[in-house]
Amino acid sequence: MQRDPRAYLSDILEAAAAIQEATIAAVEREFIIIGEALKQISQRDPQLFAVIPEGRQIIDFRNLLTHEYLNVSLQVVWGAIQQLDKELT
């Protein structure tokens, strides 16, 4: 018996959702690493930290991702990605 072709559409949707979730999780993890590194710099070398643009906001975003993850939407993460892209170019 052959599989109903509509079942393949379901497979596609499930795979796309899994990709989205995995991508978001990976990006959030990298933002957490960046924020934690900045937190360490702020504590160990305040003068160096003072010249890092948006350092405090990045640490705050890390704290949001780590401690208030239920309040973080895809749009918030995407906005952070866009801002990072602007900063790096």
N, C-alpha and C. Protein backbone atom coordinates (compact mmCIF):
# COMPACT_ATOMS: atom_id res chain seq x y z
N MET A 1 0.83 -1.17 0.00
CA MET A 1 0.00 0.00 0.00
C MET A 1 0.89 1.25 0.00
N GLN A 2 0.59 2.15 -0.90
CA GLN A 2 1.38 3.37 -1.00
C GLN A 2 0.92 4.41 0.02
N ARG A 3 1.88 5.22 0.41
CA ARG A 3 1.59 6.29 1.37
C ARG A 3 0.85 7.42 0.66
N ASP A 4 -0.09 7.99 1.37
CA ASP A 4 -0.85 9.13 0.84
C ASP A 4 0.11 10.31 0.64
N PRO A 5 0.14 10.90 -0.55
CA PRO A 5 1.06 12.02 -0.81
C PRO A 5 0.88 13.18 0.16
N ARG A 6 -0.31 13.37 0.72
CA ARG A 6 -0.53 14.45 1.69
C ARG A 6 0.27 14.22 2.97
N ALA A 7 0.60 12.97 3.25
CA ALA A 7 1.43 12.67 4.42
C ALA A 7 2.82 13.27 4.26
N TYR A 8 3.30 13.33 3.01
CA TYR A 8 4.60 13.94 2.76
C TYR A 8 4.57 15.45 3.07
N LEU A 9 3.44 16.07 2.79
CA LEU A 9 3.29 17.49 3.13
C LEU A 9 3.39 17.68 4.64
N SER A 10 2.81 16.79 5.39
CA SER A 10 2.92 16.84 6.84
C SER A 10 4.38 16.68 7.27
N ASP A 11 5.09 15.76 6.63
CA ASP A 11 6.52 15.58 6.92
C ASP A 11 7.30 16.86 6.67
N ILE A 12 6.97 17.53 5.56
CA ILE A 12 7.66 18.78 5.21
C ILE A 12 7.40 19.84 6.27
N LEU A 13 6.16 19.99 6.68
CA LEU A 13 5.83 21.00 7.69
C LEU A 13 6.51 20.71 9.02
N GLU A 14 6.53 19.46 9.42
CA GLU A 14 7.19 19.09 10.67
C GLU A 14 8.70 19.34 10.60
N ALA A 15 9.30 19.02 9.45
CA ALA A 15 10.74 19.24 9.29
C ALA A 15 11.06 20.74 9.29
N ALA A 16 10.23 21.53 8.63
CA ALA A 16 10.45 22.98 8.61
C ALA A 16 10.34 23.56 10.02
N ALA A 17 9.37 23.11 10.78
CA ALA A 17 9.22 23.59 12.15
C ALA A 17 10.43 23.18 13.00
N ALA A 18 10.93 21.98 12.79
CA ALA A 18 12.10 21.51 13.54
C ALA A 18 13.33 22.35 13.19
N ILE A 19 13.47 22.70 11.91
CA ILE A 19 14.59 23.56 11.50
C ILE A 19 14.49 24.91 12.19
N GLN A 20 13.30 25.48 12.19
CA GLN A 20 13.11 26.78 12.82
C GLN A 20 13.45 26.72 14.31
N GLU A 21 12.96 25.72 14.99
CA GLU A 21 13.23 25.60 16.42
C GLU A 21 14.71 25.38 16.71
N ALA A 22 15.37 24.54 15.91
CA ALA A 22 16.79 24.28 16.11
C ALA A 22 17.62 25.52 15.83
N THR A 23 17.24 26.26 14.80
CA THR A 23 17.97 27.48 14.46
C THR A 23 17.84 28.51 15.57
N ILE A 24 16.64 28.71 16.05
CA ILE A 24 16.42 29.67 17.14
C ILE A 24 17.19 29.24 18.37
N ALA A 25 17.15 27.98 18.71
CA ALA A 25 17.87 27.49 19.90
C ALA A 25 19.38 27.72 19.75
N ALA A 26 19.91 27.49 18.55
CA ALA A 26 21.34 27.68 18.33
C ALA A 26 21.71 29.16 18.44
N VAL A 27 20.89 30.03 17.87
CA VAL A 27 21.16 31.46 17.94
C VAL A 27 21.07 31.95 19.40
N GLU A 28 20.04 31.51 20.10
CA GLU A 28 19.92 31.91 21.50
C GLU A 28 21.13 31.47 22.30
N ARG A 29 21.62 30.28 22.06
CA ARG A 29 22.80 29.77 22.77
C ARG A 29 24.01 30.67 22.51
N GLU A 30 24.20 31.07 21.27
CA GLU A 30 25.34 31.94 20.95
C GLU A 30 25.20 33.32 21.59
N PHE A 31 23.98 33.85 21.64
CA PHE A 31 23.77 35.12 22.33
C PHE A 31 24.05 34.97 23.83
N ILE A 32 23.71 33.85 24.40
CA ILE A 32 24.00 33.61 25.82
C ILE A 32 25.51 33.59 26.05
N ILE A 33 26.24 32.96 25.16
CA ILE A 33 27.71 32.92 25.27
C ILE A 33 28.28 34.33 25.17
N ILE A 34 27.81 35.10 24.20
CA ILE A 34 28.30 36.47 24.04
C ILE A 34 28.00 37.29 25.30
N GLY A 35 26.78 37.19 25.79
CA GLY A 35 26.40 37.94 26.98
C GLY A 35 27.19 37.55 28.21
N GLU A 36 27.44 36.26 28.36
CA GLU A 36 28.23 35.80 29.52
C GLU A 36 29.67 36.28 29.41
N ALA A 37 30.22 36.25 28.21
CA ALA A 37 31.60 36.74 28.01
C ALA A 37 31.67 38.23 28.34
N LEU A 38 30.68 39.00 27.92
CA LEU A 38 30.66 40.42 28.25
C LEU A 38 30.50 40.66 29.74
N LYS A 39 29.71 39.83 30.38
CA LYS A 39 29.55 39.94 31.84
C LYS A 39 30.90 39.74 32.52
N GLN A 40 31.64 38.75 32.08
CA GLN A 40 32.96 38.49 32.66
C GLN A 40 33.91 39.67 32.42
N ILE A 41 33.88 40.22 31.21
CA ILE A 41 34.73 41.38 30.90
C ILE A 41 34.34 42.55 31.80
N SER A 42 33.04 42.77 31.97
CA SER A 42 32.58 43.90 32.80
C SER A 42 33.09 43.79 34.23
N GLN A 43 33.19 42.58 34.74
CA GLN A 43 33.64 42.37 36.10
C GLN A 43 35.16 42.39 36.23
N ARG A 44 35.85 41.93 35.22
CA ARG A 44 37.31 41.79 35.31
C ARG A 44 38.08 42.96 34.75
N ASP A 45 37.48 43.67 33.77
CA ASP A 45 38.17 44.80 33.16
C ASP A 45 37.15 45.86 32.77
N PRO A 46 36.68 46.64 33.76
CA PRO A 46 35.64 47.65 33.49
C PRO A 46 36.04 48.67 32.43
N GLN A 47 37.31 49.00 32.33
CA GLN A 47 37.74 49.96 31.32
C GLN A 47 37.55 49.38 29.91
N LEU A 48 37.88 48.12 29.73
CA LEU A 48 37.67 47.48 28.44
C LEU A 48 36.18 47.40 28.14
N PHE A 49 35.40 47.03 29.13
CA PHE A 49 33.96 46.92 28.95
C PHE A 49 33.34 48.26 28.56
N ALA A 50 33.88 49.35 29.09
CA ALA A 50 33.33 50.68 28.82
C ALA A 50 33.40 51.06 27.34
N VAL A 51 34.30 50.47 26.59
CA VAL A 51 34.42 50.83 25.17
C VAL A 51 33.65 49.88 24.25
N ILE A 52 32.94 48.93 24.81
CA ILE A 52 32.17 47.98 24.00
C ILE A 52 30.77 48.54 23.82
N PRO A 53 30.40 48.87 22.58
CA PRO A 53 29.07 49.43 22.35
C PRO A 53 27.96 48.44 22.74
N GLU A 54 26.94 48.96 23.37
CA GLU A 54 25.76 48.16 23.72
C GLU A 54 26.06 47.00 24.68
N GLY A 55 27.19 47.03 25.36
CA GLY A 55 27.58 45.93 26.23
C GLY A 55 26.53 45.60 27.28
N ARG A 56 26.03 46.62 27.94
CA ARG A 56 25.03 46.40 28.99
C ARG A 56 23.75 45.79 28.42
N GLN A 57 23.32 46.28 27.26
CA GLN A 57 22.10 45.76 26.65
C GLN A 57 22.26 44.30 26.23
N ILE A 58 23.45 43.94 25.79
CA ILE A 58 23.70 42.56 25.40
C ILE A 58 23.65 41.64 26.62
N ILE A 59 24.23 42.09 27.72
CA ILE A 59 24.17 41.31 28.96
C ILE A 59 22.71 41.18 29.41
N ASP A 60 21.96 42.26 29.31
CA ASP A 60 20.55 42.21 29.68
C ASP A 60 19.78 41.22 28.80
N PHE A 61 20.11 41.19 27.51
CA PHE A 61 19.46 40.24 26.60
C PHE A 61 19.83 38.81 26.98
N ARG A 62 21.07 38.59 27.35
CA ARG A 62 21.50 37.27 27.81
C ARG A 62 20.70 36.84 29.03
N ASN A 63 20.51 37.78 29.96
CA ASN A 63 19.74 37.48 31.16
C ASN A 63 18.29 37.14 30.82
N LEU A 64 17.73 37.87 29.87
CA LEU A 64 16.38 37.58 29.41
C LEU A 64 16.30 36.17 28.83
N LEU A 65 17.24 35.83 27.96
CA LEU A 65 17.25 34.50 27.35
C LEU A 65 17.42 33.40 28.38
N THR A 66 18.24 33.66 29.38
CA THR A 66 18.57 32.65 30.38
C THR A 66 17.49 32.50 31.45
N HIS A 67 16.98 33.62 31.92
CA HIS A 67 16.11 33.58 33.09
C HIS A 67 14.63 33.82 32.79
N GLU A 68 14.34 34.43 31.65
CA GLU A 68 12.95 34.74 31.33
C GLU A 68 12.61 34.23 29.93
N TYR A 69 13.11 33.06 29.61
CA TYR A 69 13.00 32.52 28.26
C TYR A 69 11.56 32.38 27.77
N LEU A 70 10.62 32.24 28.68
CA LEU A 70 9.21 32.13 28.25
C LEU A 70 8.68 33.43 27.67
N ASN A 71 9.35 34.54 27.99
CA ASN A 71 8.92 35.85 27.50
C ASN A 71 9.64 36.26 26.22
N VAL A 72 10.47 35.39 25.67
CA VAL A 72 11.25 35.73 24.48
C VAL A 72 10.53 35.18 23.25
N SER A 73 10.23 36.06 22.32
CA SER A 73 9.55 35.65 21.10
C SER A 73 10.55 35.56 19.95
N LEU A 74 10.12 34.93 18.90
CA LEU A 74 10.93 34.84 17.69
C LEU A 74 11.27 36.24 17.18
N GLN A 75 10.35 37.16 17.28
CA GLN A 75 10.58 38.52 16.80
C GLN A 75 11.69 39.22 17.60
N VAL A 76 11.75 38.96 18.90
CA VAL A 76 12.79 39.56 19.73
C VAL A 76 14.16 39.02 19.32
N VAL A 77 14.25 37.72 19.13
CA VAL A 77 15.52 37.11 18.72
C VAL A 77 15.91 37.61 17.34
N TRP A 78 14.96 37.66 16.42
CA TRP A 78 15.26 38.13 15.06
C TRP A 78 15.72 39.59 15.10
N GLY A 79 15.10 40.41 15.93
CA GLY A 79 15.54 41.80 16.08
C GLY A 79 16.97 41.89 16.58
N ALA A 80 17.33 41.02 17.50
CA ALA A 80 18.71 41.01 18.01
C ALA A 80 19.69 40.59 16.92
N ILE A 81 19.29 39.64 16.09
CA ILE A 81 20.13 39.22 14.97
C ILE A 81 20.34 40.39 14.02
N GLN A 82 19.27 41.09 13.71
CA GLN A 82 19.35 42.24 12.79
C GLN A 82 20.27 43.32 13.36
N GLN A 83 20.15 43.59 14.66
CA GLN A 83 20.98 44.60 15.30
C GLN A 83 22.45 44.18 15.27
N LEU A 84 22.71 42.93 15.55
CA LEU A 84 24.08 42.43 15.51
C LEU A 84 24.66 42.57 14.10
N ASP A 85 23.86 42.27 13.11
CA ASP A 85 24.30 42.38 11.73
C ASP A 85 24.68 43.84 11.41
N LYS A 86 23.89 44.80 11.88
CA LYS A 86 24.18 46.22 11.68
C LYS A 86 25.51 46.61 12.35
N GLU A 87 25.71 46.08 13.55
CA GLU A 87 26.92 46.42 14.31
C GLU A 87 28.18 45.87 13.65
N LEU A 88 28.05 44.71 13.02
CA LEU A 88 29.21 44.06 12.44
C LEU A 88 29.55 44.53 11.02
N THR A 89 28.61 45.24 10.40
CA THR A 89 28.88 45.70 9.03
C THR A 89 29.14 47.18 8.99
